[in-house]
Amino acid sequence: MLVFSKAKGILGGRVRIMITGSAPMLPEVMNFLKICFCCPIVEAYGLTETTGGTCIVDNTDLVSGHVGGPVQGVKLRLKDLPEMSYMSTD
């Protein structure tokens, strides 16, 4: 906290949580950012134009490297794409 208080101050010092909505970040990068900004950073995943927050990490989850599960009220269905070698059984 003492070392990274200036980085936290750049954001105003009152940030309580951050959300990223891109592809999964490398766990090393995510952990570094959590340390720098002294707050939880959660990852969300979904098609930006329609379902940006469909899957999101719980803010109490300390494990990096995944984008979390579906939020309450969302039903997901997997579809096979054999031409791209993506199968729901993988």
PDB file of N, CA and C in Angstrom:
ATOM      1  N   MET A   1       0.837  -1.197   0.000  1.00  0.00           N
ATOM      2  CA  MET A   1       0.000   0.000   0.000  1.00  0.00           C
ATOM      3  C   MET A   1       0.876   1.253   0.000  1.00  0.00           C
ATOM      4  N   LEU A   2       1.926   1.228   0.780  1.00  0.00           N
ATOM      5  CA  LEU A   2       2.812   2.382   0.882  1.00  0.00           C
ATOM      6  C   LEU A   2       3.508   2.663  -0.446  1.00  0.00           C
ATOM      7  N   VAL A   3       3.961   1.622  -1.110  1.00  0.00           N
ATOM      8  CA  VAL A   3       4.706   1.764  -2.358  1.00  0.00           C
ATOM      9  C   VAL A   3       3.809   2.229  -3.497  1.00  0.00           C
ATOM     10  N   PHE A   4       2.588   1.697  -3.591  1.00  0.00           N
ATOM     11  CA  PHE A   4       1.729   1.983  -4.728  1.00  0.00           C
ATOM     12  C   PHE A   4       0.657   3.034  -4.446  1.00  0.00           C
ATOM     13  N   SER A   5       0.774   3.763  -3.351  1.00  0.00           N
ATOM     14  CA  SER A   5      -0.238   4.779  -3.039  1.00  0.00           C
ATOM     15  C   SER A   5      -0.261   5.896  -4.084  1.00  0.00           C
ATOM     16  N   LYS A   6       0.885   6.184  -4.725  1.00  0.00           N
ATOM     17  CA  LYS A   6       0.907   7.214  -5.776  1.00  0.00           C
ATOM     18  C   LYS A   6       0.133   6.747  -7.001  1.00  0.00           C
ATOM     19  N   ALA A   7       0.276   5.477  -7.366  1.00  0.00           N
ATOM     20  CA  ALA A   7      -0.486   4.942  -8.507  1.00  0.00           C
ATOM     21  C   ALA A   7      -1.971   4.998  -8.207  1.00  0.00           C
ATOM     22  N   LYS A   8      -2.343   4.658  -6.985  1.00  0.00           N
ATOM     23  CA  LYS A   8      -3.750   4.726  -6.596  1.00  0.00           C
ATOM     24  C   LYS A   8      -4.235   6.176  -6.601  1.00  0.00           C
ATOM     25  N   GLY A   9      -3.372   7.093  -6.184  1.00  0.00           N
ATOM     26  CA  GLY A   9      -3.725   8.506  -6.155  1.00  0.00           C
ATOM     27  C   GLY A   9      -3.957   9.101  -7.532  1.00  0.00           C
ATOM     28  N   ILE A  10      -3.275   8.571  -8.543  1.00  0.00           N
ATOM     29  CA  ILE A  10      -3.473   9.059  -9.912  1.00  0.00           C
ATOM     30  C   ILE A  10      -4.928   8.886 -10.337  1.00  0.00           C
ATOM     31  N   LEU A  11      -5.570   7.839  -9.835  1.00  0.00           N
ATOM     32  CA  LEU A  11      -6.971   7.573 -10.169  1.00  0.00           C
ATOM     33  C   LEU A  11      -7.944   8.291  -9.232  1.00  0.00           C
ATOM     34  N   GLY A  12      -7.434   9.126  -8.360  1.00  0.00           N
ATOM     35  CA  GLY A  12      -8.278   9.880  -7.447  1.00  0.00           C
ATOM     36  C   GLY A  12      -8.284   9.338  -6.035  1.00  0.00           C
ATOM     37  N   GLY A  13      -7.740   8.140  -5.830  1.00  0.00           N
ATOM     38  CA  GLY A  13      -7.634   7.575  -4.488  1.00  0.00           C
ATOM     39  C   GLY A  13      -8.898   6.950  -3.938  1.00  0.00           C
ATOM     40  N   ARG A  14      -9.989   6.973  -4.690  1.00  0.00           N
ATOM     41  CA  ARG A  14     -11.250   6.442  -4.164  1.00  0.00           C
ATOM     42  C   ARG A  14     -11.802   5.278  -4.978  1.00  0.00           C
ATOM     43  N   VAL A  15     -11.016   4.730  -5.881  1.00  0.00           N
ATOM     44  CA  VAL A  15     -11.469   3.604  -6.704  1.00  0.00           C
ATOM     45  C   VAL A  15     -11.613   2.374  -5.813  1.00  0.00           C
ATOM     46  N   ARG A  16     -12.778   1.738  -5.866  1.00  0.00           N
ATOM     47  CA  ARG A  16     -13.033   0.554  -5.035  1.00  0.00           C
ATOM     48  C   ARG A  16     -12.975  -0.732  -5.826  1.00  0.00           C
ATOM     49  N   ILE A  17     -13.232  -0.675  -7.140  1.00  0.00           N
ATOM     50  CA  ILE A  17     -13.215  -1.862  -7.990  1.00  0.00           C
ATOM     51  C   ILE A  17     -13.011  -1.419  -9.437  1.00  0.00           C
ATOM     52  N   MET A  18     -12.349  -2.258 -10.223  1.00  0.00           N
ATOM     53  CA  MET A  18     -12.166  -2.000 -11.647  1.00  0.00           C
ATOM     54  C   MET A  18     -12.683  -3.196 -12.421  1.00  0.00           C
ATOM     55  N   ILE A  19     -13.165  -2.940 -13.638  1.00  0.00           N
ATOM     56  CA  ILE A  19     -13.679  -4.016 -14.492  1.00  0.00           C
ATOM     57  C   ILE A  19     -12.994  -3.908 -15.845  1.00  0.00           C
ATOM     58  N   THR A  20     -12.542  -5.034 -16.353  1.00  0.00           N
ATOM     59  CA  THR A  20     -12.014  -5.087 -17.706  1.00  0.00           C
ATOM     60  C   THR A  20     -12.928  -5.970 -18.534  1.00  0.00           C
ATOM     61  N   GLY A  21     -13.207  -5.550 -19.747  1.00  0.00           N
ATOM     62  CA  GLY A  21     -14.150  -6.280 -20.587  1.00  0.00           C
ATOM     63  C   GLY A  21     -13.525  -6.738 -21.889  1.00  0.00           C
ATOM     64  N   SER A  22     -12.334  -7.238 -21.821  1.00  0.00           N
ATOM     65  CA  SER A  22     -11.656  -7.699 -23.030  1.00  0.00           C
ATOM     66  C   SER A  22     -11.494  -9.215 -22.966  1.00  0.00           C
ATOM     67  N   ALA A  23     -10.658  -9.735 -23.828  1.00  0.00           N
ATOM     68  CA  ALA A  23     -10.298 -11.147 -23.722  1.00  0.00           C
ATOM     69  C   ALA A  23      -9.559 -11.339 -22.403  1.00  0.00           C
ATOM     70  N   PRO A  24      -9.477 -12.576 -21.917  1.00  0.00           N
ATOM     71  CA  PRO A  24      -8.798 -12.796 -20.639  1.00  0.00           C
ATOM     72  C   PRO A  24      -7.374 -12.231 -20.649  1.00  0.00           C
ATOM     73  N   MET A  25      -7.039 -11.525 -19.594  1.00  0.00           N
ATOM     74  CA  MET A  25      -5.689 -10.978 -19.456  1.00  0.00           C
ATOM     75  C   MET A  25      -4.769 -12.049 -18.892  1.00  0.00           C
ATOM     76  N   LEU A  26      -3.486 -11.926 -19.171  1.00  0.00           N
ATOM     77  CA  LEU A  26      -2.530 -12.846 -18.574  1.00  0.00           C
ATOM     78  C   LEU A  26      -2.607 -12.707 -17.052  1.00  0.00           C
ATOM     79  N   PRO A  27      -2.584 -13.821 -16.323  1.00  0.00           N
ATOM     80  CA  PRO A  27      -2.667 -13.741 -14.860  1.00  0.00           C
ATOM     81  C   PRO A  27      -1.587 -12.851 -14.244  1.00  0.00           C
ATOM     82  N   GLU A  28      -0.394 -12.855 -14.822  1.00  0.00           N
ATOM     83  CA  GLU A  28       0.693 -12.030 -14.288  1.00  0.00           C
ATOM     84  C   GLU A  28       0.360 -10.542 -14.415  1.00  0.00           C
ATOM     85  N   VAL A  29      -0.234 -10.158 -15.546  1.00  0.00           N
ATOM     86  CA  VAL A  29      -0.614  -8.761 -15.767  1.00  0.00           C
ATOM     87  C   VAL A  29      -1.736  -8.368 -14.809  1.00  0.00           C
ATOM     88  N   MET A  30      -2.738  -9.231 -14.680  1.00  0.00           N
ATOM     89  CA  MET A  30      -3.870  -8.952 -13.796  1.00  0.00           C
ATOM     90  C   MET A  30      -3.398  -8.793 -12.348  1.00  0.00           C
ATOM     91  N   ASN A  31      -2.544  -9.694 -11.899  1.00  0.00           N
ATOM     92  CA  ASN A  31      -2.038  -9.609 -10.518  1.00  0.00           C
ATOM     93  C   ASN A  31      -1.232  -8.335 -10.305  1.00  0.00           C
ATOM     94  N   PHE A  32      -0.423  -7.948 -11.281  1.00  0.00           N
ATOM     95  CA  PHE A  32       0.361  -6.724 -11.179  1.00  0.00           C
ATOM     96  C   PHE A  32      -0.556  -5.501 -11.064  1.00  0.00           C
ATOM     97  N   LEU A  33      -1.600  -5.443 -11.889  1.00  0.00           N
ATOM     98  CA  LEU A  33      -2.526  -4.311 -11.841  1.00  0.00           C
ATOM     99  C   LEU A  33      -3.281  -4.251 -10.514  1.00  0.00           C
ATOM    100  N   LYS A  34      -3.666  -5.407  -9.989  1.00  0.00           N
ATOM    101  CA  LYS A  34      -4.349  -5.434  -8.685  1.00  0.00           C
ATOM    102  C   LYS A  34      -3.457  -4.858  -7.595  1.00  0.00           C
ATOM    103  N   ILE A  35      -2.171  -5.186  -7.664  1.00  0.00           N
ATOM    104  CA  ILE A  35      -1.219  -4.672  -6.670  1.00  0.00           C
ATOM    105  C   ILE A  35      -1.006  -3.180  -6.863  1.00  0.00           C
ATOM    106  N   CYS A  36      -0.814  -2.747  -8.118  1.00  0.00           N
ATOM    107  CA  CYS A  36      -0.546  -1.329  -8.401  1.00  0.00           C
ATOM    108  C   CYS A  36      -1.682  -0.421  -7.948  1.00  0.00           C
ATOM    109  N   PHE A  37      -2.915  -0.805  -8.239  1.00  0.00           N
ATOM    110  CA  PHE A  37      -4.045   0.069  -7.968  1.00  0.00           C
ATOM    111  C   PHE A  37      -4.745  -0.238  -6.653  1.00  0.00           C
ATOM    112  N   CYS A  38      -4.261  -1.225  -5.907  1.00  0.00           N
ATOM    113  CA  CYS A  38      -4.762  -1.522  -4.557  1.00  0.00           C
ATOM    114  C   CYS A  38      -6.280  -1.705  -4.525  1.00  0.00           C
ATOM    115  N   CYS A  39      -6.818  -2.403  -5.528  1.00  0.00           N
ATOM    116  CA  CYS A  39      -8.250  -2.681  -5.539  1.00  0.00           C
ATOM    117  C   CYS A  39      -8.511  -3.936  -6.365  1.00  0.00           C
ATOM    118  N   PRO A  40      -9.648  -4.591  -6.153  1.00  0.00           N
ATOM    119  CA  PRO A  40      -9.984  -5.754  -6.971  1.00  0.00           C
ATOM    120  C   PRO A  40     -10.226  -5.343  -8.419  1.00  0.00           C
ATOM    121  N   ILE A  41      -9.774  -6.175  -9.343  1.00  0.00           N
ATOM    122  CA  ILE A  41     -10.042  -5.988 -10.762  1.00  0.00           C
ATOM    123  C   ILE A  41     -10.720  -7.254 -11.244  1.00  0.00           C
ATOM    124  N   VAL A  42     -11.915  -7.120 -11.787  1.00  0.00           N
ATOM    125  CA  VAL A  42     -12.655  -8.288 -12.254  1.00  0.00           C
ATOM    126  C   VAL A  42     -12.703  -8.274 -13.775  1.00  0.00           C
ATOM    127  N   GLU A  43     -12.766  -9.470 -14.351  1.00  0.00           N
ATOM    128  CA  GLU A  43     -12.843  -9.601 -15.795  1.00  0.00           C
ATOM    129  C   GLU A  43     -14.259  -9.980 -16.199  1.00  0.00           C
ATOM    130  N   ALA A  44     -14.736  -9.356 -17.247  1.00  0.00           N
ATOM    131  CA  ALA A  44     -16.036  -9.680 -17.817  1.00  0.00           C
ATOM    132  C   ALA A  44     -15.811 -10.148 -19.243  1.00  0.00           C
ATOM    133  N   TYR A  45     -16.712 -10.958 -19.754  1.00  0.00           N
ATOM    134  CA  TYR A  45     -16.560 -11.477 -21.105  1.00  0.00           C
ATOM    135  C   TYR A  45     -17.919 -11.597 -21.765  1.00  0.00           C
ATOM    136  N   GLY A  46     -17.963 -11.270 -23.018  1.00  0.00           N
ATOM    137  CA  GLY A  46     -19.180 -11.373 -23.808  1.00  0.00           C
ATOM    138  C   GLY A  46     -19.045 -10.497 -25.030  1.00  0.00           C
ATOM    139  N   LEU A  47     -19.896 -10.682 -26.007  1.00  0.00           N
ATOM    140  CA  LEU A  47     -19.864  -9.865 -27.210  1.00  0.00           C
ATOM    141  C   LEU A  47     -20.149  -8.414 -26.826  1.00  0.00           C
ATOM    142  N   THR A  48     -19.202  -7.543 -27.075  1.00  0.00           N
ATOM    143  CA  THR A  48     -19.271  -6.151 -26.613  1.00  0.00           C
ATOM    144  C   THR A  48     -20.587  -5.472 -26.980  1.00  0.00           C
ATOM    145  N   GLU A  49     -21.049  -5.673 -28.203  1.00  0.00           N
ATOM    146  CA  GLU A  49     -22.227  -4.961 -28.682  1.00  0.00           C
ATOM    147  C   GLU A  49     -23.532  -5.437 -28.043  1.00  0.00           C
ATOM    148  N   THR A  50     -23.549  -6.660 -27.521  1.00  0.00           N
ATOM    149  CA  THR A  50     -24.820  -7.184 -27.035  1.00  0.00           C
ATOM    150  C   THR A  50     -24.770  -7.780 -25.629  1.00  0.00           C
ATOM    151  N   THR A  51     -23.699  -8.437 -25.283  1.00  0.00           N
ATOM    152  CA  THR A  51     -23.679  -9.177 -24.016  1.00  0.00           C
ATOM    153  C   THR A  51     -22.390  -8.938 -23.241  1.00  0.00           C
ATOM    154  N   GLY A  52     -21.975  -7.696 -23.125  1.00  0.00           N
ATOM    155  CA  GLY A  52     -20.693  -7.369 -22.506  1.00  0.00           C
ATOM    156  C   GLY A  52     -20.485  -7.904 -21.111  1.00  0.00           C
ATOM    157  N   GLY A  53     -21.495  -7.993 -20.316  1.00  0.00           N
ATOM    158  CA  GLY A  53     -21.341  -8.464 -18.945  1.00  0.00           C
ATOM    159  C   GLY A  53     -21.975  -9.809 -18.689  1.00  0.00           C
ATOM    160  N   THR A  54     -22.086 -10.645 -19.700  1.00  0.00           N
ATOM    161  CA  THR A  54     -22.737 -11.944 -19.536  1.00  0.00           C
ATOM    162  C   THR A  54     -21.999 -12.828 -18.545  1.00  0.00           C
ATOM    163  N   CYS A  55     -20.694 -12.883 -18.675  1.00  0.00           N
ATOM    164  CA  CYS A  55     -19.858 -13.667 -17.754  1.00  0.00           C
ATOM    165  C   CYS A  55     -18.911 -12.706 -17.064  1.00  0.00           C
ATOM    166  N   ILE A  56     -18.851 -12.799 -15.742  1.00  0.00           N
ATOM    167  CA  ILE A  56     -18.003 -11.878 -14.985  1.00  0.00           C
ATOM    168  C   ILE A  56     -17.481 -12.588 -13.739  1.00  0.00           C
ATOM    169  N   VAL A  57     -16.253 -12.269 -13.387  1.00  0.00           N
ATOM    170  CA  VAL A  57     -15.626 -12.830 -12.195  1.00  0.00           C
ATOM    171  C   VAL A  57     -16.231 -12.159 -10.962  1.00  0.00           C
ATOM    172  N   ASP A  58     -16.471 -12.920  -9.930  1.00  0.00           N
ATOM    173  CA  ASP A  58     -16.934 -12.359  -8.664  1.00  0.00           C
ATOM    174  C   ASP A  58     -15.814 -11.502  -8.079  1.00  0.00           C
ATOM    175  N   ASN A  59     -16.141 -10.343  -7.534  1.00  0.00           N
ATOM    176  CA  ASN A  59     -15.094  -9.447  -7.045  1.00  0.00           C
ATOM    177  C   ASN A  59     -14.359  -9.977  -5.822  1.00  0.00           C
ATOM    178  N   THR A  60     -14.834 -11.044  -5.218  1.00  0.00           N
ATOM    179  CA  THR A  60     -14.104 -11.654  -4.096  1.00  0.00           C
ATOM    180  C   THR A  60     -13.211 -12.805  -4.547  1.00  0.00           C
ATOM    181  N   ASP A  61     -13.241 -13.128  -5.841  1.00  0.00           N
ATOM    182  CA  ASP A  61     -12.415 -14.204  -6.395  1.00  0.00           C
ATOM    183  C   ASP A  61     -10.996 -13.686  -6.579  1.00  0.00           C
ATOM    184  N   LEU A  62     -10.042 -14.262  -5.883  1.00  0.00           N
ATOM    185  CA  LEU A  62      -8.665 -13.797  -5.941  1.00  0.00           C
ATOM    186  C   LEU A  62      -7.842 -14.489  -7.019  1.00  0.00           C
ATOM    187  N   VAL A  63      -8.407 -15.480  -7.705  1.00  0.00           N
ATOM    188  CA  VAL A  63      -7.684 -16.233  -8.731  1.00  0.00           C
ATOM    189  C   VAL A  63      -7.768 -15.493 -10.059  1.00  0.00           C
ATOM    190  N   SER A  64      -6.633 -15.290 -10.707  1.00  0.00           N
ATOM    191  CA  SER A  64      -6.594 -14.622 -12.009  1.00  0.00           C
ATOM    192  C   SER A  64      -6.480 -15.671 -13.110  1.00  0.00           C
ATOM    193  N   GLY A  65      -6.857 -15.295 -14.322  1.00  0.00           N
ATOM    194  CA  GLY A  65      -6.686 -16.182 -15.460  1.00  0.00           C
ATOM    195  C   GLY A  65      -7.969 -16.781 -15.996  1.00  0.00           C
ATOM    196  N   HIS A  66      -9.111 -16.281 -15.554  1.00  0.00           N
ATOM    197  CA  HIS A  66     -10.392 -16.748 -16.096  1.00  0.00           C
ATOM    198  C   HIS A  66     -11.367 -15.582 -16.104  1.00  0.00           C
ATOM    199  N   VAL A  67     -12.453 -15.732 -16.859  1.00  0.00           N
ATOM    200  CA  VAL A  67     -13.410 -14.628 -16.982  1.00  0.00           C
ATOM    201  C   VAL A  67     -14.695 -14.872 -16.198  1.00  0.00           C
ATOM    202  N   GLY A  68     -14.733 -15.883 -15.373  1.00  0.00           N
ATOM    203  CA  GLY A  68     -15.888 -16.096 -14.513  1.00  0.00           C
ATOM    204  C   GLY A  68     -17.041 -16.799 -15.187  1.00  0.00           C
ATOM    205  N   GLY A  69     -18.092 -16.934 -14.434  1.00  0.00           N
ATOM    206  CA  GLY A  69     -19.275 -17.633 -14.909  1.00  0.00           C
ATOM    207  C   GLY A  69     -20.383 -16.670 -15.287  1.00  0.00           C
ATOM    208  N   PRO A  70     -21.485 -17.201 -15.804  1.00  0.00           N
ATOM    209  CA  PRO A  70     -22.607 -16.341 -16.196  1.00  0.00           C
ATOM    210  C   PRO A  70     -23.251 -15.673 -14.984  1.00  0.00           C
ATOM    211  N   VAL A  71     -23.718 -14.461 -15.189  1.00  0.00           N
ATOM    212  CA  VAL A  71     -24.407 -13.744 -14.119  1.00  0.00           C
ATOM    213  C   VAL A  71     -25.806 -14.312 -13.932  1.00  0.00           C
ATOM    214  N   GLN A  72     -26.417 -13.983 -12.827  1.00  0.00           N
ATOM    215  CA  GLN A  72     -27.754 -14.473 -12.520  1.00  0.00           C
ATOM    216  C   GLN A  72     -28.745 -14.037 -13.596  1.00  0.00           C
ATOM    217  N   GLY A  73     -29.581 -14.952 -14.023  1.00  0.00           N
ATOM    218  CA  GLY A  73     -30.595 -14.653 -15.017  1.00  0.00           C
ATOM    219  C   GLY A  73     -30.149 -14.864 -16.454  1.00  0.00           C
ATOM    220  N   VAL A  74     -28.908 -15.302 -16.650  1.00  0.00           N
ATOM    221  CA  VAL A  74     -28.383 -15.545 -17.997  1.00  0.00           C
ATOM    222  C   VAL A  74     -28.285 -17.039 -18.230  1.00  0.00           C
ATOM    223  N   LYS A  75     -28.753 -17.472 -19.377  1.00  0.00           N
ATOM    224  CA  LYS A  75     -28.667 -18.878 -19.758  1.00  0.00           C
ATOM    225  C   LYS A  75     -27.752 -18.968 -20.975  1.00  0.00           C
ATOM    226  N   LEU A  76     -26.710 -19.770 -20.857  1.00  0.00           N
ATOM    227  CA  LEU A  76     -25.764 -19.945 -21.955  1.00  0.00           C
ATOM    228  C   LEU A  76     -25.947 -21.310 -22.591  1.00  0.00           C
ATOM    229  N   ARG A  77     -25.692 -21.364 -23.898  1.00  0.00           N
ATOM    230  CA  ARG A  77     -25.771 -22.631 -24.613  1.00  0.00           C
ATOM    231  C   ARG A  77     -24.531 -22.745 -25.490  1.00  0.00           C
ATOM    232  N   LEU A  78     -23.892 -23.908 -25.468  1.00  0.00           N
ATOM    233  CA  LEU A  78     -22.707 -24.146 -26.276  1.00  0.00           C
ATOM    234  C   LEU A  78     -23.106 -24.732 -27.622  1.00  0.00           C
ATOM    235  N   LYS A  79     -22.406 -24.296 -28.653  1.00  0.00           N
ATOM    236  CA  LYS A  79     -22.681 -24.785 -30.002  1.00  0.00           C
ATOM    237  C   LYS A  79     -21.388 -25.339 -30.595  1.00  0.00           C
ATOM    238  N   ASP A  80     -21.467 -26.509 -31.230  1.00  0.00           N
ATOM    239  CA  ASP A  80     -20.312 -27.097 -31.890  1.00  0.00           C
ATOM    240  C   ASP A  80     -19.990 -26.339 -33.178  1.00  0.00           C
ATOM    241  N   LEU A  81     -18.700 -26.108 -33.413  1.00  0.00           N
ATOM    242  CA  LEU A  81     -18.217 -25.521 -34.660  1.00  0.00           C
ATOM    243  C   LEU A  81     -17.132 -26.432 -35.214  1.00  0.00           C
ATOM    244  N   PRO A  82     -17.528 -27.535 -35.846  1.00  0.00           N
ATOM    245  CA  PRO A  82     -16.548 -28.518 -36.305  1.00  0.00           C
ATOM    246  C   PRO A  82     -15.526 -27.941 -37.280  1.00  0.00           C
ATOM    247  N   GLU A  83     -15.928 -26.985 -38.117  1.00  0.00           N
ATOM    248  CA  GLU A  83     -14.995 -26.414 -39.086  1.00  0.00           C
ATOM    249  C   GLU A  83     -13.862 -25.629 -38.427  1.00  0.00           C
ATOM    250  N   MET A  84     -14.060 -25.229 -37.158  1.00  0.00           N
ATOM    251  CA  MET A  84     -13.013 -24.517 -36.415  1.00  0.00           C
ATOM    252  C   MET A  84     -12.440 -25.384 -35.299  1.00  0.00           C
ATOM    253  N   SER A  85     -12.857 -26.639 -35.244  1.00  0.00           N
ATOM    254  CA  SER A  85     -12.405 -27.595 -34.230  1.00  0.00           C
ATOM    255  C   SER A  85     -12.808 -27.184 -32.820  1.00  0.00           C
ATOM    256  N   TYR A  86     -13.947 -26.507 -32.678  1.00  0.00           N
ATOM    257  CA  TYR A  86     -14.507 -26.173 -31.361  1.00  0.00           C
ATOM    258  C   TYR A  86     -15.717 -27.077 -31.126  1.00  0.00           C
ATOM    259  N   MET A  87     -15.629 -27.894 -30.098  1.00  0.00           N
ATOM    260  CA  MET A  87     -16.722 -28.812 -29.778  1.00  0.00           C
ATOM    261  C   MET A  87     -17.159 -28.591 -28.331  1.00  0.00           C
ATOM    262  N   SER A  88     -18.452 -28.701 -28.085  1.00  0.00           N
ATOM    263  CA  SER A  88     -18.973 -28.508 -26.733  1.00  0.00           C
ATOM    264  C   SER A  88     -18.507 -29.605 -25.789  1.00  0.00           C
ATOM    265  N   THR A  89     -17.972 -30.674 -26.325  1.00  0.00           N
ATOM    266  CA  THR A  89     -17.488 -31.775 -25.492  1.00  0.00           C
ATOM    267  C   THR A  89     -16.043 -31.580 -25.036  1.00  0.00           C
ATOM    268  N   ASP A  90     -15.366 -30.542 -25.541  1.00  0.00           N
ATOM    269  CA  ASP A  90     -13.957 -30.293 -25.169  1.00  0.00           C
ATOM    270  C   ASP A  90     -13.843 -29.824 -23.736  1.00  0.00           C
TER     271      ASP A  90
END
